[in-house]
PDB file of N, CA and C in Angstrom:
ATOM      1  N   MET A   1     -14.213  23.348  -5.769  1.00  0.00           N
ATOM      2  CA  MET A   1     -14.530  22.360  -4.802  1.00  0.00           C
ATOM      3  C   MET A   1     -13.943  21.177  -5.274  1.00  0.00           C
ATOM      4  N   GLU A   2     -13.428  20.452  -4.058  1.00  0.00           N
ATOM      5  CA  GLU A   2     -12.692  19.229  -4.332  1.00  0.00           C
ATOM      6  C   GLU A   2     -13.781  17.986  -4.127  1.00  0.00           C
ATOM      7  N   ALA A   3     -13.615  17.036  -5.030  1.00  0.00           N
ATOM      8  CA  ALA A   3     -14.479  15.937  -5.127  1.00  0.00           C
ATOM      9  C   ALA A   3     -13.728  14.893  -4.409  1.00  0.00           C
ATOM     10  N   LYS A   4     -14.410  13.881  -3.658  1.00  0.00           N
ATOM     11  CA  LYS A   4     -13.734  12.816  -3.148  1.00  0.00           C
ATOM     12  C   LYS A   4     -14.697  11.594  -3.524  1.00  0.00           C
ATOM     13  N   GLN A   5     -13.749  10.425  -3.614  1.00  0.00           N
ATOM     14  CA  GLN A   5     -14.530   9.246  -3.790  1.00  0.00           C
ATOM     15  C   GLN A   5     -14.247   8.303  -2.628  1.00  0.00           C
ATOM     16  N   TRP A   6     -15.215   7.752  -2.189  1.00  0.00           N
ATOM     17  CA  TRP A   6     -14.973   6.518  -1.287  1.00  0.00           C
ATOM     18  C   TRP A   6     -15.714   5.431  -1.742  1.00  0.00           C
ATOM     19  N   THR A   7     -15.043   4.159  -1.382  1.00  0.00           N
ATOM     20  CA  THR A   7     -15.760   2.996  -2.213  1.00  0.00           C
ATOM     21  C   THR A   7     -15.825   1.815  -1.015  1.00  0.00           C
ATOM     22  N   VAL A   8     -17.119   1.237  -1.284  1.00  0.00           N
ATOM     23  CA  VAL A   8     -17.669   0.081  -0.348  1.00  0.00           C
ATOM     24  C   VAL A   8     -17.449  -1.038  -1.030  1.00  0.00           C
ATOM     25  N   ASP A   9     -16.859  -2.052  -0.811  1.00  0.00           N
ATOM     26  CA  ASP A   9     -16.906  -3.383  -1.438  1.00  0.00           C
ATOM     27  C   ASP A   9     -17.694  -4.316  -0.376  1.00  0.00           C
ATOM     28  N   ILE A  10     -18.446  -5.071  -0.732  1.00  0.00           N
ATOM     29  CA  ILE A  10     -19.228  -6.163  -0.065  1.00  0.00           C
ATOM     30  C   ILE A  10     -18.857  -7.478  -0.513  1.00  0.00           C
ATOM     31  N   TYR A  11     -18.408  -8.317   0.603  1.00  0.00           N
ATOM     32  CA  TYR A  11     -18.101  -9.623   0.354  1.00  0.00           C
ATOM     33  C   TYR A  11     -18.917 -10.636   0.853  1.00  0.00           C
ATOM     34  N   ILE A  12     -19.485 -11.490   0.088  1.00  0.00           N
ATOM     35  CA  ILE A  12     -20.769 -12.334   0.432  1.00  0.00           C
ATOM     36  C   ILE A  12     -20.277 -13.823   0.636  1.00  0.00           C
ATOM     37  N   THR A  13     -20.463 -14.596   1.516  1.00  0.00           N
ATOM     38  CA  THR A  13     -20.014 -16.001   1.682  1.00  0.00           C
ATOM     39  C   THR A  13     -21.219 -16.741   2.036  1.00  0.00           C
ATOM     40  N   GLU A  14     -21.508 -17.891   1.442  1.00  0.00           N
ATOM     41  CA  GLU A  14     -22.520 -18.754   1.925  1.00  0.00           C
ATOM     42  C   GLU A  14     -22.110 -20.126   2.285  1.00  0.00           C
ATOM     43  N   ASP A  15     -22.768 -20.541   3.273  1.00  0.00           N
ATOM     44  CA  ASP A  15     -22.576 -21.835   3.845  1.00  0.00           C
ATOM     45  C   ASP A  15     -23.672 -22.669   4.329  1.00  0.00           C
ATOM     46  N   GLY A  16     -24.309 -23.324   3.343  1.00  0.00           N
ATOM     47  CA  GLY A  16     -25.698 -24.023   3.738  1.00  0.00           C
ATOM     48  C   GLY A  16     -26.665 -23.097   3.580  1.00  0.00           C
ATOM     49  N   ASP A  17     -27.414 -22.975   4.911  1.00  0.00           N
ATOM     50  CA  ASP A  17     -28.471 -21.956   4.913  1.00  0.00           C
ATOM     51  C   ASP A  17     -27.979 -20.599   5.524  1.00  0.00           C
ATOM     52  N   ASP A  18     -26.660 -20.618   5.703  1.00  0.00           N
ATOM     53  CA  ASP A  18     -26.195 -19.391   6.364  1.00  0.00           C
ATOM     54  C   ASP A  18     -25.450 -18.491   5.321  1.00  0.00           C
ATOM     55  N   THR A  19     -25.725 -17.093   5.385  1.00  0.00           N
ATOM     56  CA  THR A  19     -25.001 -16.206   4.579  1.00  0.00           C
ATOM     57  C   THR A  19     -24.373 -15.209   5.457  1.00  0.00           C
ATOM     58  N   HIS A  20     -23.124 -14.705   5.126  1.00  0.00           N
ATOM     59  CA  HIS A  20     -22.353 -13.674   5.655  1.00  0.00           C
ATOM     60  C   HIS A  20     -21.956 -12.781   4.746  1.00  0.00           C
ATOM     61  N   ALA A  21     -22.017 -11.567   5.328  1.00  0.00           N
ATOM     62  CA  ALA A  21     -21.409 -10.259   4.350  1.00  0.00           C
ATOM     63  C   ALA A  21     -20.404  -9.440   5.103  1.00  0.00           C
ATOM     64  N   ARG A  22     -19.749  -8.968   4.527  1.00  0.00           N
ATOM     65  CA  ARG A  22     -18.663  -7.981   5.073  1.00  0.00           C
ATOM     66  C   ARG A  22     -18.594  -6.686   4.046  1.00  0.00           C
ATOM     67  N   ALA A  23     -18.992  -5.583   4.586  1.00  0.00           N
ATOM     68  CA  ALA A  23     -18.829  -4.161   3.790  1.00  0.00           C
ATOM     69  C   ALA A  23     -17.719  -3.421   4.332  1.00  0.00           C
ATOM     70  N   VAL A  24     -16.958  -3.226   3.441  1.00  0.00           N
ATOM     71  CA  VAL A  24     -15.623  -2.507   3.647  1.00  0.00           C
ATOM     72  C   VAL A  24     -15.361  -1.137   2.911  1.00  0.00           C
ATOM     73  N   LEU A  25     -15.526  -0.102   3.717  1.00  0.00           N
ATOM     74  CA  LEU A  25     -15.392   1.114   3.195  1.00  0.00           C
ATOM     75  C   LEU A  25     -13.926   1.801   3.171  1.00  0.00           C
ATOM     76  N   ARG A  26     -13.421   2.207   1.952  1.00  0.00           N
ATOM     77  CA  ARG A  26     -12.170   2.717   1.820  1.00  0.00           C
ATOM     78  C   ARG A  26     -12.255   4.059   1.455  1.00  0.00           C
ATOM     79  N   THR A  27     -11.598   4.861   2.246  1.00  0.00           N
ATOM     80  CA  THR A  27     -11.724   6.266   2.014  1.00  0.00           C
ATOM     81  C   THR A  27     -10.577   6.793   1.206  1.00  0.00           C
ATOM     82  N   SER A  28     -10.494   8.167   0.660  1.00  0.00           N
ATOM     83  CA  SER A  28      -9.511   8.660  -0.101  1.00  0.00           C
ATOM     84  C   SER A  28      -8.113   8.509   0.520  1.00  0.00           C
ATOM     85  N   ASP A  29      -8.036   8.586   1.766  1.00  0.00           N
ATOM     86  CA  ASP A  29      -6.940   8.641   2.509  1.00  0.00           C
ATOM     87  C   ASP A  29      -6.465   7.176   2.928  1.00  0.00           C
ATOM     88  N   ALA A  30      -7.182   6.315   2.493  1.00  0.00           N
ATOM     89  CA  ALA A  30      -6.642   4.785   2.501  1.00  0.00           C
ATOM     90  C   ALA A  30      -7.171   4.304   3.968  1.00  0.00           C
ATOM     91  N   SER A  31      -8.045   5.115   4.782  1.00  0.00           N
ATOM     92  CA  SER A  31      -8.649   4.449   5.962  1.00  0.00           C
ATOM     93  C   SER A  31      -9.640   3.449   5.491  1.00  0.00           C
ATOM     94  N   THR A  32      -9.938   2.551   6.428  1.00  0.00           N
ATOM     95  CA  THR A  32     -11.031   1.567   6.285  1.00  0.00           C
ATOM     96  C   THR A  32     -11.882   1.490   7.424  1.00  0.00           C
ATOM     97  N   VAL A  33     -13.140   1.136   7.322  1.00  0.00           N
ATOM     98  CA  VAL A  33     -14.066   0.794   8.096  1.00  0.00           C
ATOM     99  C   VAL A  33     -14.915  -0.233   7.782  1.00  0.00           C
ATOM    100  N   ALA A  34     -15.253  -1.413   8.656  1.00  0.00           N
ATOM    101  CA  ALA A  34     -15.911  -2.459   8.151  1.00  0.00           C
ATOM    102  C   ALA A  34     -17.196  -2.689   8.937  1.00  0.00           C
ATOM    103  N   GLY A  35     -18.141  -3.407   8.265  1.00  0.00           N
ATOM    104  CA  GLY A  35     -19.366  -3.961   9.037  1.00  0.00           C
ATOM    105  C   GLY A  35     -19.757  -5.171   8.492  1.00  0.00           C
ATOM    106  N   ARG A  36     -20.230  -5.941   9.405  1.00  0.00           N
ATOM    107  CA  ARG A  36     -20.582  -7.316   9.358  1.00  0.00           C
ATOM    108  C   ARG A  36     -22.215  -7.557   9.294  1.00  0.00           C
ATOM    109  N   GLY A  37     -22.773  -8.381   8.612  1.00  0.00           N
ATOM    110  CA  GLY A  37     -24.059  -8.946   8.541  1.00  0.00           C
ATOM    111  C   GLY A  37     -24.181 -10.339   8.270  1.00  0.00           C
ATOM    112  N   ALA A  38     -25.340 -10.966   8.682  1.00  0.00           N
ATOM    113  CA  ALA A  38     -25.797 -12.269   8.429  1.00  0.00           C
ATOM    114  C   ALA A  38     -27.026 -12.448   8.148  1.00  0.00           C
ATOM    115  N   ALA A  39     -27.417 -13.608   7.608  1.00  0.00           N
ATOM    116  CA  ALA A  39     -28.718 -14.137   7.348  1.00  0.00           C
ATOM    117  C   ALA A  39     -28.894 -15.639   7.459  1.00  0.00           C
ATOM    118  N   ARG A  40     -29.908 -16.279   7.917  1.00  0.00           N
ATOM    119  CA  ARG A  40     -30.086 -17.651   7.876  1.00  0.00           C
ATOM    120  C   ARG A  40     -31.568 -17.967   7.338  1.00  0.00           C
ATOM    121  N   ARG A  41     -31.517 -18.786   6.316  1.00  0.00           N
ATOM    122  CA  ARG A  41     -32.782 -19.253   5.607  1.00  0.00           C
ATOM    123  C   ARG A  41     -33.474 -20.008   6.690  1.00  0.00           C
ATOM    124  N   ASN A  42     -34.829 -19.991   6.859  1.00  0.00           N
ATOM    125  CA  ASN A  42     -35.611 -20.852   7.459  1.00  0.00           C
ATOM    126  C   ASN A  42     -35.742 -22.040   6.609  1.00  0.00           C
ATOM    127  N   PRO A  43     -35.587 -23.451   7.332  1.00  0.00           N
ATOM    128  CA  PRO A  43     -35.689 -24.643   6.524  1.00  0.00           C
ATOM    129  C   PRO A  43     -36.859 -24.791   5.822  1.00  0.00           C
ATOM    130  N   VAL A  44     -37.837 -24.222   6.284  1.00  0.00           N
ATOM    131  CA  VAL A  44     -39.186 -24.572   5.531  1.00  0.00           C
ATOM    132  C   VAL A  44     -39.227 -23.581   4.384  1.00  0.00           C
ATOM    133  N   ASP A  45     -38.405 -22.524   4.173  1.00  0.00           N
ATOM    134  CA  ASP A  45     -38.545 -21.736   3.055  1.00  0.00           C
ATOM    135  C   ASP A  45     -37.857 -22.227   1.775  1.00  0.00           C
ATOM    136  N   ARG A  46     -38.415 -21.769   0.662  1.00  0.00           N
ATOM    137  CA  ARG A  46     -37.638 -22.157  -0.666  1.00  0.00           C
ATOM    138  C   ARG A  46     -36.238 -21.646  -0.522  1.00  0.00           C
ATOM    139  N   PRO A  47     -35.126 -22.356  -1.244  1.00  0.00           N
ATOM    140  CA  PRO A  47     -33.860 -21.847  -1.142  1.00  0.00           C
ATOM    141  C   PRO A  47     -33.618 -20.680  -2.300  1.00  0.00           C
ATOM    142  N   ILE A  48     -33.655 -19.472  -1.944  1.00  0.00           N
ATOM    143  CA  ILE A  48     -33.411 -18.446  -2.940  1.00  0.00           C
ATOM    144  C   ILE A  48     -32.277 -17.468  -2.454  1.00  0.00           C
ATOM    145  N   PRO A  49     -31.068 -17.963  -2.913  1.00  0.00           N
ATOM    146  CA  PRO A  49     -29.956 -17.443  -2.448  1.00  0.00           C
ATOM    147  C   PRO A  49     -29.719 -15.834  -2.419  1.00  0.00           C
ATOM    148  N   GLU A  50     -30.469 -15.307  -3.635  1.00  0.00           N
ATOM    149  CA  GLU A  50     -30.367 -13.895  -3.474  1.00  0.00           C
ATOM    150  C   GLU A  50     -31.018 -13.042  -2.323  1.00  0.00           C
ATOM    151  N   ILE A  51     -31.937 -13.719  -1.686  1.00  0.00           N
ATOM    152  CA  ILE A  51     -32.557 -13.182  -0.473  1.00  0.00           C
ATOM    153  C   ILE A  51     -31.782 -13.058   0.568  1.00  0.00           C
ATOM    154  N   GLY A  52     -30.917 -14.056   0.914  1.00  0.00           N
ATOM    155  CA  GLY A  52     -29.986 -14.205   1.970  1.00  0.00           C
ATOM    156  C   GLY A  52     -28.820 -13.339   1.668  1.00  0.00           C
ATOM    157  N   ASP A  53     -28.401 -13.053   0.344  1.00  0.00           N
ATOM    158  CA  ASP A  53     -27.557 -12.044   0.055  1.00  0.00           C
ATOM    159  C   ASP A  53     -27.791 -10.751   0.272  1.00  0.00           C
ATOM    160  N   GLU A  54     -29.101 -10.402  -0.108  1.00  0.00           N
ATOM    161  CA  GLU A  54     -29.810  -9.003   0.258  1.00  0.00           C
ATOM    162  C   GLU A  54     -29.777  -8.770   1.634  1.00  0.00           C
ATOM    163  N   LEU A  55     -30.168  -9.719   2.504  1.00  0.00           N
ATOM    164  CA  LEU A  55     -30.525  -9.437   3.891  1.00  0.00           C
ATOM    165  C   LEU A  55     -28.933  -9.407   4.485  1.00  0.00           C
ATOM    166  N   ALA A  56     -28.117 -10.238   4.179  1.00  0.00           N
ATOM    167  CA  ALA A  56     -26.710 -10.087   4.833  1.00  0.00           C
ATOM    168  C   ALA A  56     -25.967  -8.780   4.491  1.00  0.00           C
ATOM    169  N   ALA A  57     -26.139  -8.456   3.225  1.00  0.00           N
ATOM    170  CA  ALA A  57     -25.488  -7.295   2.698  1.00  0.00           C
ATOM    171  C   ALA A  57     -26.041  -5.838   3.493  1.00  0.00           C
ATOM    172  N   SER A  58     -27.465  -5.990   3.507  1.00  0.00           N
ATOM    173  CA  SER A  58     -28.072  -4.852   4.072  1.00  0.00           C
ATOM    174  C   SER A  58     -27.754  -4.685   5.498  1.00  0.00           C
ATOM    175  N   ARG A  59     -27.629  -5.793   6.179  1.00  0.00           N
ATOM    176  CA  ARG A  59     -27.267  -5.687   7.584  1.00  0.00           C
ATOM    177  C   ARG A  59     -25.682  -5.370   7.921  1.00  0.00           C
ATOM    178  N   ALA A  60     -24.813  -5.783   6.855  1.00  0.00           N
ATOM    179  CA  ALA A  60     -23.471  -5.336   6.954  1.00  0.00           C
ATOM    180  C   ALA A  60     -23.252  -3.892   6.650  1.00  0.00           C
ATOM    181  N   LEU A  61     -24.152  -3.299   5.546  1.00  0.00           N
ATOM    182  CA  LEU A  61     -24.096  -1.979   5.489  1.00  0.00           C
ATOM    183  C   LEU A  61     -24.715  -1.066   6.641  1.00  0.00           C
ATOM    184  N   GLU A  62     -25.824  -1.548   7.202  1.00  0.00           N
ATOM    185  CA  GLU A  62     -26.095  -0.795   8.325  1.00  0.00           C
ATOM    186  C   GLU A  62     -25.145  -0.835   9.450  1.00  0.00           C
ATOM    187  N   ASP A  63     -24.420  -2.161   9.788  1.00  0.00           N
ATOM    188  CA  ASP A  63     -23.425  -2.064  10.820  1.00  0.00           C
ATOM    189  C   ASP A  63     -22.137  -1.073  10.385  1.00  0.00           C
ATOM    190  N   LEU A  64     -21.986  -0.979   9.160  1.00  0.00           N
ATOM    191  CA  LEU A  64     -20.892  -0.061   8.627  1.00  0.00           C
ATOM    192  C   LEU A  64     -21.318   1.398   8.894  1.00  0.00           C
ATOM    193  N   ALA A  65     -22.513   1.628   8.823  1.00  0.00           N
ATOM    194  CA  ALA A  65     -23.028   2.968   9.026  1.00  0.00           C
ATOM    195  C   ALA A  65     -22.907   3.465  10.495  1.00  0.00           C
ATOM    196  N   ILE A  66     -23.279   2.362  11.244  1.00  0.00           N
ATOM    197  CA  ILE A  66     -23.132   2.613  12.647  1.00  0.00           C
ATOM    198  C   ILE A  66     -21.547   2.881  13.241  1.00  0.00           C
ATOM    199  N   ARG A  67     -20.679   1.903  12.602  1.00  0.00           N
ATOM    200  CA  ARG A  67     -19.352   2.105  12.876  1.00  0.00           C
ATOM    201  C   ARG A  67     -18.702   3.375  12.393  1.00  0.00           C
ATOM    202  N   LEU A  68     -19.240   3.959  11.163  1.00  0.00           N
ATOM    203  CA  LEU A  68     -18.552   4.840  10.630  1.00  0.00           C
ATOM    204  C   LEU A  68     -19.040   6.305  11.504  1.00  0.00           C
ATOM    205  N   HIS A  69     -20.323   6.309  12.016  1.00  0.00           N
ATOM    206  CA  HIS A  69     -20.864   7.378  12.938  1.00  0.00           C
ATOM    207  C   HIS A  69     -19.997   7.351  14.116  1.00  0.00           C
ATOM    208  N   ASP A  70     -19.700   6.245  14.658  1.00  0.00           N
ATOM    209  CA  ASP A  70     -18.859   6.020  15.880  1.00  0.00           C
ATOM    210  C   ASP A  70     -17.557   6.611  15.471  1.00  0.00           C
ATOM    211  N   VAL A  71     -16.925   6.459  14.547  1.00  0.00           N
ATOM    212  CA  VAL A  71     -15.778   6.910  13.982  1.00  0.00           C
ATOM    213  C   VAL A  71     -15.687   8.460  14.124  1.00  0.00           C
ATOM    214  N   ALA A  72     -16.703   9.094  13.453  1.00  0.00           N
ATOM    215  CA  ALA A  72     -16.795  10.590  13.502  1.00  0.00           C
ATOM    216  C   ALA A  72     -17.158  10.814  14.758  1.00  0.00           C
ATOM    217  N   SER A  73     -17.891  10.336  15.551  1.00  0.00           N
ATOM    218  CA  SER A  73     -18.072  10.860  16.866  1.00  0.00           C
ATOM    219  C   SER A  73     -16.714  10.899  17.760  1.00  0.00           C
ATOM    220  N   GLU A  74     -16.020   9.989  17.493  1.00  0.00           N
ATOM    221  CA  GLU A  74     -14.727   9.995  18.356  1.00  0.00           C
ATOM    222  C   GLU A  74     -13.688  11.136  17.757  1.00  0.00           C
ATOM    223  N   ASP A  75     -13.832  11.448  16.393  1.00  0.00           N
ATOM    224  CA  ASP A  75     -13.006  12.235  15.895  1.00  0.00           C
ATOM    225  C   ASP A  75     -13.546  13.601  16.385  1.00  0.00           C
ATOM    226  N   ILE A  76     -14.734  13.931  16.570  1.00  0.00           N
ATOM    227  CA  ILE A  76     -15.428  15.190  17.035  1.00  0.00           C
ATOM    228  C   ILE A  76     -14.940  15.531  18.439  1.00  0.00           C
ATOM    229  N   VAL A  77     -14.924  14.478  19.225  1.00  0.00           N
ATOM    230  CA  VAL A  77     -14.479  14.487  20.707  1.00  0.00           C
ATOM    231  C   VAL A  77     -12.954  14.830  20.912  1.00  0.00           C
ATOM    232  N   GLN A  78     -12.055  14.354  19.896  1.00  0.00           N
ATOM    233  CA  GLN A  78     -10.745  14.466  19.848  1.00  0.00           C
ATOM    234  C   GLN A  78     -10.471  15.924  19.433  1.00  0.00           C
ATOM    235  N   MET A  79     -11.212  16.390  18.377  1.00  0.00           N
ATOM    236  CA  MET A  79     -10.849  17.731  17.718  1.00  0.00           C
ATOM    237  C   MET A  79     -11.730  18.768  18.166  1.00  0.00           C
ATOM    238  N   ALA A  80     -12.516  18.648  19.142  1.00  0.00           N
ATOM    239  CA  ALA A  80     -13.498  19.725  19.542  1.00  0.00           C
ATOM    240  C   ALA A  80     -12.594  20.943  20.210  1.00  0.00           C
ATOM    241  N   GLY A  81     -13.161  22.012  20.220  1.00  0.00           N
ATOM    242  CA  GLY A  81     -12.499  23.122  20.847  1.00  0.00           C
ATOM    243  C   GLY A  81     -11.534  23.913  19.935  1.00  0.00           C
ATOM    244  N   PRO A  82     -11.008  24.981  20.342  1.00  0.00           N
ATOM    245  CA  PRO A  82     -10.312  25.832  19.384  1.00  0.00           C
ATOM    246  C   PRO A  82      -9.087  25.129  19.192  1.00  0.00           C
ATOM    247  N   ALA A  83      -8.490  25.694  17.956  1.00  0.00           N
ATOM    248  CA  ALA A  83      -7.291  25.115  17.494  1.00  0.00           C
ATOM    249  C   ALA A  83      -6.105  25.474  18.481  1.00  0.00           C
ATOM    250  N   GLU A  84      -5.095  24.759  18.684  1.00  0.00           N
ATOM    251  CA  GLU A  84      -3.930  25.161  19.614  1.00  0.00           C
ATOM    252  C   GLU A  84      -3.077  26.194  18.598  1.00  0.00           C
ATOM    253  N   PRO A  85      -2.548  27.297  19.229  1.00  0.00           N
ATOM    254  CA  PRO A  85      -1.825  28.176  18.549  1.00  0.00           C
ATOM    255  C   PRO A  85      -0.523  27.628  17.928  1.00  0.00           C
TER     256      PRO A  85
END
């Protein structure tokens, strides 16, 4: 059985009350798929940066999952049917 390793890097930036995250999947064949997420702190809430990081990162991962599913769906459409001789 062949084992494969894919890596996801999450990049987080903060600007005041806004947090942005980018999740980048790198496959073993050097393909990449990226997702984005954001969070904004309510001005009446205490400033706890980790919460914004968690929300933005989770949203970026969710977006990444949707995009990866779209890539797989496109591949299925292109490759569906019997192989050409």
